[in-house]
């Protein structure tokens, strides 16, 4: 009965907690999405790697261009590997969609195609990757 006397205070505390949870979730999602997109850019990776190497190793002016060339070459290798893996994963995903379609009714296929298109649009918008045609 004593808790009912303070229901307004309890409600305020719960609302503040809920607002904090929502704000934290949205902020975390935005932060990780931005970090992921930034991490996919080779130029950002190279700059970060060079910054860490310079800070930790105190590279000499003579070492910097030689080490930068190595880091840039590694970045290009990562970019090629990631591109190849992304293309192959996209091909595998679209092949699975085709196999799923074979098991669906015509009505289910319509819904499935809409789901696939929504996913395809999201991948294109977020990662700038075009999946193979279905």
N, C-alpha and C. Protein backbone atom coordinates (compact mmCIF):
# COMPACT_ATOMS: atom_id res chain seq x y z
N UNK A 1 0.82 -1.19 0.00
CA UNK A 1 0.00 0.00 0.00
C UNK A 1 0.86 1.25 0.00
N UNK A 2 2.04 1.16 0.63
CA UNK A 2 2.95 2.31 0.70
C UNK A 2 3.48 2.67 -0.68
N UNK A 3 3.69 1.66 -1.54
CA UNK A 3 4.19 1.90 -2.89
C UNK A 3 3.17 2.65 -3.72
N UNK A 4 1.90 2.44 -3.47
CA UNK A 4 0.87 3.13 -4.23
C UNK A 4 0.85 4.62 -3.94
N UNK A 5 1.30 5.01 -2.77
CA UNK A 5 1.37 6.43 -2.44
C UNK A 5 2.37 7.16 -3.32
N UNK A 6 3.38 6.45 -3.73
CA UNK A 6 4.48 7.05 -4.50
C UNK A 6 4.45 6.62 -5.96
N UNK A 7 3.28 6.34 -6.50
CA UNK A 7 3.17 5.82 -7.86
C UNK A 7 3.69 6.80 -8.89
N UNK A 8 3.53 8.09 -8.65
CA UNK A 8 4.03 9.08 -9.62
C UNK A 8 5.56 9.05 -9.69
N UNK A 9 6.19 8.94 -8.55
CA UNK A 9 7.65 8.89 -8.51
C UNK A 9 8.16 7.61 -9.18
N UNK A 10 7.48 6.51 -8.91
CA UNK A 10 7.87 5.23 -9.52
C UNK A 10 7.70 5.31 -11.03
N UNK A 11 6.61 5.90 -11.49
CA UNK A 11 6.36 6.05 -12.92
C UNK A 11 7.44 6.91 -13.57
N UNK A 12 7.82 8.01 -12.91
CA UNK A 12 8.87 8.88 -13.45
C UNK A 12 10.19 8.12 -13.57
N UNK A 13 10.54 7.37 -12.54
CA UNK A 13 11.79 6.60 -12.56
C UNK A 13 11.75 5.57 -13.70
N UNK A 14 10.62 4.90 -13.86
CA UNK A 14 10.50 3.91 -14.93
C UNK A 14 10.59 4.57 -16.31
N UNK A 15 9.95 5.71 -16.47
CA UNK A 15 10.02 6.42 -17.75
C UNK A 15 11.43 6.89 -18.07
N UNK A 16 12.13 7.40 -17.05
CA UNK A 16 13.52 7.83 -17.26
C UNK A 16 14.38 6.63 -17.64
N UNK A 17 14.19 5.51 -16.97
CA UNK A 17 14.94 4.30 -17.30
C UNK A 17 14.65 3.85 -18.73
N UNK A 18 13.38 3.84 -19.11
CA UNK A 18 13.00 3.42 -20.46
C UNK A 18 13.58 4.36 -21.50
N UNK A 19 13.52 5.67 -21.24
CA UNK A 19 14.07 6.64 -22.18
C UNK A 19 15.58 6.44 -22.33
N UNK A 20 16.26 6.16 -21.25
CA UNK A 20 17.70 5.91 -21.30
C UNK A 20 18.02 4.65 -22.09
N UNK A 21 17.22 3.61 -21.89
CA UNK A 21 17.44 2.36 -22.62
C UNK A 21 17.23 2.56 -24.12
N UNK A 22 16.18 3.26 -24.50
CA UNK A 22 15.91 3.51 -25.92
C UNK A 22 17.02 4.37 -26.52
N UNK A 23 17.38 5.44 -25.82
CA UNK A 23 18.44 6.33 -26.31
C UNK A 23 19.76 5.57 -26.46
N UNK A 24 20.09 4.75 -25.47
CA UNK A 24 21.32 3.97 -25.55
C UNK A 24 21.32 2.98 -26.69
N UNK A 25 20.18 2.34 -26.92
CA UNK A 25 20.07 1.38 -28.02
C UNK A 25 20.23 2.06 -29.38
N UNK A 26 19.54 3.17 -29.55
CA UNK A 26 19.63 3.90 -30.82
C UNK A 26 21.05 4.42 -31.03
N UNK A 27 21.63 5.00 -29.99
CA UNK A 27 22.99 5.52 -30.11
C UNK A 27 24.00 4.44 -30.44
N UNK A 28 23.87 3.29 -29.79
CA UNK A 28 24.78 2.18 -30.05
C UNK A 28 24.63 1.67 -31.48
N UNK A 29 23.40 1.55 -31.94
CA UNK A 29 23.15 1.09 -33.31
C UNK A 29 23.78 2.04 -34.33
N UNK A 30 23.56 3.32 -34.13
CA UNK A 30 24.12 4.32 -35.06
C UNK A 30 25.64 4.29 -35.01
N UNK A 31 26.21 4.20 -33.82
CA UNK A 31 27.67 4.17 -33.68
C UNK A 31 28.27 2.97 -34.39
N UNK A 32 27.71 1.78 -34.16
CA UNK A 32 28.28 0.59 -34.78
C UNK A 32 28.08 0.57 -36.29
N UNK A 33 26.95 1.08 -36.76
CA UNK A 33 26.73 1.15 -38.20
C UNK A 33 27.77 2.07 -38.84
N UNK A 34 28.00 3.23 -38.22
CA UNK A 34 28.98 4.17 -38.75
C UNK A 34 30.39 3.56 -38.70
N UNK A 35 30.72 2.92 -37.59
CA UNK A 35 32.04 2.29 -37.45
C UNK A 35 32.23 1.19 -38.48
N UNK A 36 31.19 0.40 -38.74
CA UNK A 36 31.27 -0.67 -39.72
C UNK A 36 31.50 -0.10 -41.12
N UNK A 37 30.72 0.92 -41.48
CA UNK A 37 30.88 1.53 -42.80
C UNK A 37 32.26 2.17 -42.94
N UNK A 38 32.73 2.83 -41.90
CA UNK A 38 34.04 3.46 -41.93
C UNK A 38 35.13 2.39 -42.03
N UNK A 39 34.94 1.27 -41.34
CA UNK A 39 35.92 0.20 -41.35
C UNK A 39 36.05 -0.49 -42.69
N UNK A 40 35.01 -0.40 -43.52
CA UNK A 40 35.07 -1.04 -44.83
C UNK A 40 35.88 -0.24 -45.84
N UNK A 41 36.21 0.99 -45.54
CA UNK A 41 36.95 1.82 -46.47
C UNK A 41 38.45 1.62 -46.24
N UNK A 42 39.12 1.20 -47.30
CA UNK A 42 40.54 0.88 -47.21
C UNK A 42 41.35 2.10 -46.78
N UNK A 43 40.96 3.27 -47.28
CA UNK A 43 41.70 4.49 -46.93
C UNK A 43 41.69 4.72 -45.42
N UNK A 44 40.55 4.47 -44.79
CA UNK A 44 40.46 4.64 -43.34
C UNK A 44 41.33 3.62 -42.61
N UNK A 45 41.34 2.39 -43.11
CA UNK A 45 42.15 1.36 -42.49
C UNK A 45 43.63 1.71 -42.60
N UNK A 46 44.04 2.17 -43.77
CA UNK A 46 45.45 2.54 -43.99
C UNK A 46 45.85 3.68 -43.06
N UNK A 47 45.01 4.70 -42.99
CA UNK A 47 45.31 5.85 -42.13
C UNK A 47 45.42 5.42 -40.68
N UNK A 48 44.50 4.57 -40.24
CA UNK A 48 44.53 4.11 -38.85
C UNK A 48 45.78 3.27 -38.58
N UNK A 49 46.07 2.35 -39.49
CA UNK A 49 47.26 1.50 -39.30
C UNK A 49 48.53 2.34 -39.26
N UNK A 50 48.65 3.30 -40.15
CA UNK A 50 49.84 4.16 -40.15
C UNK A 50 49.92 4.98 -38.87
N UNK A 51 48.78 5.45 -38.40
CA UNK A 51 48.76 6.23 -37.16
C UNK A 51 49.24 5.38 -35.98
N UNK A 52 48.74 4.15 -35.90
CA UNK A 52 49.15 3.26 -34.82
C UNK A 52 50.63 2.94 -34.92
N UNK A 53 51.10 2.60 -36.12
CA UNK A 53 52.52 2.28 -36.30
C UNK A 53 53.40 3.47 -35.97
N UNK A 54 53.00 4.65 -36.40
CA UNK A 54 53.79 5.86 -36.11
C UNK A 54 53.83 6.13 -34.61
N UNK A 55 52.69 6.02 -33.96
CA UNK A 55 52.59 6.30 -32.53
C UNK A 55 53.38 5.29 -31.71
N UNK A 56 53.21 4.02 -32.02
CA UNK A 56 53.84 2.98 -31.21
C UNK A 56 55.33 2.77 -31.53
N UNK A 57 55.68 2.89 -32.82
CA UNK A 57 57.05 2.56 -33.22
C UNK A 57 57.93 3.78 -33.45
N UNK A 58 57.33 4.97 -33.47
CA UNK A 58 58.10 6.20 -33.72
C UNK A 58 58.92 6.05 -34.99
N UNK A 59 58.22 5.83 -36.10
CA UNK A 59 58.88 5.61 -37.39
C UNK A 59 59.71 6.82 -37.79
N UNK A 60 60.84 6.55 -38.40
CA UNK A 60 61.68 7.63 -38.91
C UNK A 60 61.10 8.13 -40.23
N UNK A 61 61.46 9.32 -40.66
CA UNK A 61 60.97 9.81 -41.95
C UNK A 61 61.35 8.89 -43.11
N UNK A 62 62.48 8.20 -43.01
CA UNK A 62 62.89 7.27 -44.07
C UNK A 62 62.02 6.02 -44.08
N UNK A 63 61.57 5.58 -42.90
CA UNK A 63 60.77 4.36 -42.80
C UNK A 63 59.32 4.59 -43.25
N UNK A 64 58.80 5.76 -43.01
CA UNK A 64 57.38 6.01 -43.25
C UNK A 64 56.91 5.68 -44.66
N UNK A 65 57.56 6.16 -45.73
CA UNK A 65 57.05 5.84 -47.06
C UNK A 65 57.15 4.35 -47.41
N UNK A 66 58.19 3.69 -46.92
CA UNK A 66 58.34 2.26 -47.21
C UNK A 66 57.28 1.45 -46.49
N UNK A 67 57.03 1.80 -45.24
CA UNK A 67 56.03 1.07 -44.47
C UNK A 67 54.63 1.41 -44.99
N UNK A 68 54.40 2.66 -45.37
CA UNK A 68 53.11 3.04 -45.95
C UNK A 68 52.83 2.21 -47.20
N UNK A 69 53.85 1.99 -48.02
CA UNK A 69 53.67 1.18 -49.24
C UNK A 69 53.25 -0.24 -48.89
N UNK A 70 53.83 -0.79 -47.83
CA UNK A 70 53.47 -2.15 -47.39
C UNK A 70 52.02 -2.16 -46.89
N UNK A 71 51.66 -1.17 -46.08
CA UNK A 71 50.30 -1.09 -45.53
C UNK A 71 49.28 -0.89 -46.66
N UNK A 72 49.61 -0.04 -47.63
CA UNK A 72 48.69 0.17 -48.77
C UNK A 72 48.52 -1.10 -49.59
N UNK A 73 49.61 -1.83 -49.80
CA UNK A 73 49.53 -3.09 -50.54
C UNK A 73 48.64 -4.08 -49.78
N UNK A 74 48.81 -4.16 -48.47
CA UNK A 74 47.98 -5.05 -47.65
C UNK A 74 46.52 -4.62 -47.73
N UNK A 75 46.27 -3.31 -47.69
CA UNK A 75 44.90 -2.80 -47.81
C UNK A 75 44.26 -3.20 -49.12
N UNK A 76 45.02 -3.11 -50.21
CA UNK A 76 44.49 -3.53 -51.52
C UNK A 76 44.19 -5.03 -51.53
N UNK A 77 45.06 -5.81 -50.89
CA UNK A 77 44.83 -7.26 -50.81
C UNK A 77 43.55 -7.55 -50.02
N UNK A 78 43.36 -6.85 -48.89
CA UNK A 78 42.13 -7.01 -48.11
C UNK A 78 40.92 -6.64 -48.94
N UNK A 79 41.03 -5.55 -49.68
CA UNK A 79 39.91 -5.08 -50.48
C UNK A 79 39.53 -6.13 -51.54
N UNK A 80 40.53 -6.69 -52.21
CA UNK A 80 40.26 -7.73 -53.21
C UNK A 80 39.63 -8.97 -52.55
N UNK A 81 40.20 -9.40 -51.42
CA UNK A 81 39.69 -10.58 -50.72
C UNK A 81 38.26 -10.35 -50.25
N UNK A 82 38.00 -9.18 -49.69
CA UNK A 82 36.66 -8.87 -49.20
C UNK A 82 35.68 -8.80 -50.37
N UNK A 83 36.10 -8.20 -51.47
CA UNK A 83 35.24 -8.11 -52.64
C UNK A 83 34.90 -9.48 -53.19
N UNK A 84 35.91 -10.35 -53.26
CA UNK A 84 35.69 -11.70 -53.75
C UNK A 84 34.77 -12.47 -52.81
N UNK A 85 35.00 -12.36 -51.51
CA UNK A 85 34.16 -13.06 -50.54
C UNK A 85 32.73 -12.55 -50.59
N UNK A 86 32.58 -11.24 -50.76
CA UNK A 86 31.24 -10.64 -50.83
C UNK A 86 30.50 -11.12 -52.07
N UNK A 87 31.18 -11.13 -53.21
CA UNK A 87 30.55 -11.60 -54.45
C UNK A 87 30.15 -13.07 -54.32
N UNK A 88 31.04 -13.89 -53.78
CA UNK A 88 30.75 -15.31 -53.63
C UNK A 88 29.60 -15.53 -52.65
N UNK A 89 29.60 -14.78 -51.55
CA UNK A 89 28.51 -14.90 -50.57
C UNK A 89 27.19 -14.49 -51.20
N UNK A 90 27.21 -13.42 -51.98
CA UNK A 90 25.99 -12.98 -52.66
C UNK A 90 25.48 -14.02 -53.62
N UNK A 91 26.37 -14.65 -54.36
CA UNK A 91 25.99 -15.71 -55.30
C UNK A 91 25.38 -16.88 -54.54
N UNK A 92 26.00 -17.26 -53.41
CA UNK A 92 25.47 -18.36 -52.61
C UNK A 92 24.09 -18.02 -52.05
N UNK A 93 23.92 -16.80 -51.61
CA UNK A 93 22.64 -16.38 -51.05
C UNK A 93 21.54 -16.43 -52.09
N UNK A 94 21.81 -15.89 -53.26
CA UNK A 94 20.80 -15.89 -54.33
C UNK A 94 20.49 -17.33 -54.77
N UNK A 95 21.49 -18.20 -54.80
CA UNK A 95 21.25 -19.61 -55.14
C UNK A 95 20.33 -20.25 -54.10
N UNK A 96 20.52 -19.90 -52.84
CA UNK A 96 19.64 -20.47 -51.80
C UNK A 96 18.21 -19.95 -51.97
N UNK A 97 18.07 -18.69 -52.38
CA UNK A 97 16.73 -18.15 -52.63
C UNK A 97 16.03 -18.95 -53.73
N UNK A 98 16.79 -19.27 -54.78
CA UNK A 98 16.21 -20.06 -55.88
C UNK A 98 15.74 -21.42 -55.38
N UNK A 99 16.57 -22.05 -54.55
CA UNK A 99 16.22 -23.37 -54.02
C UNK A 99 15.00 -23.28 -53.12
N UNK A 100 14.92 -22.23 -52.32
CA UNK A 100 13.75 -22.04 -51.45
C UNK A 100 12.50 -21.86 -52.30
N UNK A 101 12.62 -21.06 -53.37
CA UNK A 101 11.48 -20.82 -54.26
C UNK A 101 10.87 -22.13 -54.78
N UNK A 102 11.70 -23.14 -55.02
CA UNK A 102 11.21 -24.42 -55.54
C UNK A 102 10.29 -25.13 -54.56
N UNK A 103 10.39 -24.77 -53.29
CA UNK A 103 9.59 -25.43 -52.25
C UNK A 103 8.34 -24.64 -51.88
N UNK A 104 8.16 -23.47 -52.47
CA UNK A 104 7.08 -22.58 -52.05
C UNK A 104 5.88 -22.65 -52.99
N UNK A 105 4.74 -22.28 -52.44
CA UNK A 105 3.53 -22.13 -53.25
C UNK A 105 3.64 -20.81 -54.00
N UNK A 106 2.82 -20.61 -55.04
CA UNK A 106 2.87 -19.33 -55.76
C UNK A 106 2.65 -18.12 -54.84
N UNK A 107 1.73 -18.23 -53.89
CA UNK A 107 1.49 -17.12 -52.96
C UNK A 107 2.71 -16.86 -52.08
N UNK A 108 3.35 -17.93 -51.61
CA UNK A 108 4.55 -17.78 -50.78
C UNK A 108 5.71 -17.19 -51.58
N UNK A 109 5.78 -17.56 -52.86
CA UNK A 109 6.85 -17.03 -53.71
C UNK A 109 6.76 -15.51 -53.82
N UNK A 110 5.54 -14.99 -53.94
CA UNK A 110 5.37 -13.54 -54.03
C UNK A 110 5.94 -12.87 -52.77
N UNK A 111 5.59 -13.40 -51.61
CA UNK A 111 6.09 -12.85 -50.35
C UNK A 111 7.60 -13.01 -50.26
N UNK A 112 8.08 -14.18 -50.64
CA UNK A 112 9.53 -14.44 -50.58
C UNK A 112 10.29 -13.49 -51.49
N UNK A 113 9.79 -13.24 -52.68
CA UNK A 113 10.46 -12.32 -53.60
C UNK A 113 10.48 -10.90 -53.02
N UNK A 114 9.41 -10.51 -52.33
CA UNK A 114 9.39 -9.20 -51.68
C UNK A 114 10.43 -9.14 -50.57
N UNK A 115 10.53 -10.21 -49.79
CA UNK A 115 11.53 -10.27 -48.72
C UNK A 115 12.94 -10.18 -49.30
N UNK A 116 13.18 -10.91 -50.36
CA UNK A 116 14.50 -10.92 -51.01
C UNK A 116 14.83 -9.53 -51.56
N UNK A 117 13.84 -8.88 -52.17
CA UNK A 117 14.07 -7.55 -52.73
C UNK A 117 14.37 -6.54 -51.63
N UNK A 118 13.67 -6.66 -50.51
CA UNK A 118 13.92 -5.76 -49.38
C UNK A 118 15.35 -5.95 -48.87
N UNK A 119 15.78 -7.21 -48.75
CA UNK A 119 17.14 -7.50 -48.32
C UNK A 119 18.15 -6.96 -49.33
N UNK A 120 17.87 -7.22 -50.61
CA UNK A 120 18.74 -6.76 -51.69
C UNK A 120 18.90 -5.23 -51.65
N UNK A 121 17.78 -4.53 -51.47
CA UNK A 121 17.82 -3.06 -51.40
C UNK A 121 18.64 -2.58 -50.20
N UNK A 122 18.48 -3.27 -49.07
CA UNK A 122 19.24 -2.90 -47.87
C UNK A 122 20.74 -3.09 -48.05
N UNK A 123 21.12 -4.19 -48.66
CA UNK A 123 22.54 -4.46 -48.91
C UNK A 123 23.10 -3.42 -49.88
N UNK A 124 22.32 -3.09 -50.89
CA UNK A 124 22.78 -2.10 -51.86
C UNK A 124 22.92 -0.73 -51.22
N UNK A 125 21.95 -0.36 -50.40
CA UNK A 125 21.97 0.96 -49.76
C UNK A 125 23.09 1.06 -48.72
N UNK A 126 23.21 0.04 -47.88
CA UNK A 126 24.16 0.08 -46.78
C UNK A 126 25.59 -0.18 -47.23
N UNK A 127 25.78 -1.22 -48.02
CA UNK A 127 27.14 -1.64 -48.39
C UNK A 127 27.52 -1.28 -49.81
N UNK A 128 26.57 -0.75 -50.59
CA UNK A 128 26.81 -0.41 -51.99
C UNK A 128 27.23 -1.64 -52.79
N UNK A 129 26.55 -2.76 -52.50
CA UNK A 129 26.84 -4.02 -53.17
C UNK A 129 25.59 -4.48 -53.91
N UNK A 130 25.75 -4.84 -55.17
CA UNK A 130 24.65 -5.39 -55.94
C UNK A 130 24.75 -6.91 -55.92
N UNK A 131 23.69 -7.55 -55.46
CA UNK A 131 23.66 -9.00 -55.47
C UNK A 131 23.36 -9.49 -56.88
N UNK A 132 23.76 -10.72 -57.20
CA UNK A 132 23.45 -11.26 -58.54
C UNK A 132 21.95 -11.32 -58.75
N UNK A 133 21.50 -11.32 -60.00
CA UNK A 133 20.05 -11.39 -60.26
C UNK A 133 19.48 -12.71 -59.76
N UNK A 134 18.21 -12.64 -59.40
CA UNK A 134 17.53 -13.84 -58.89
C UNK A 134 16.93 -14.55 -60.06
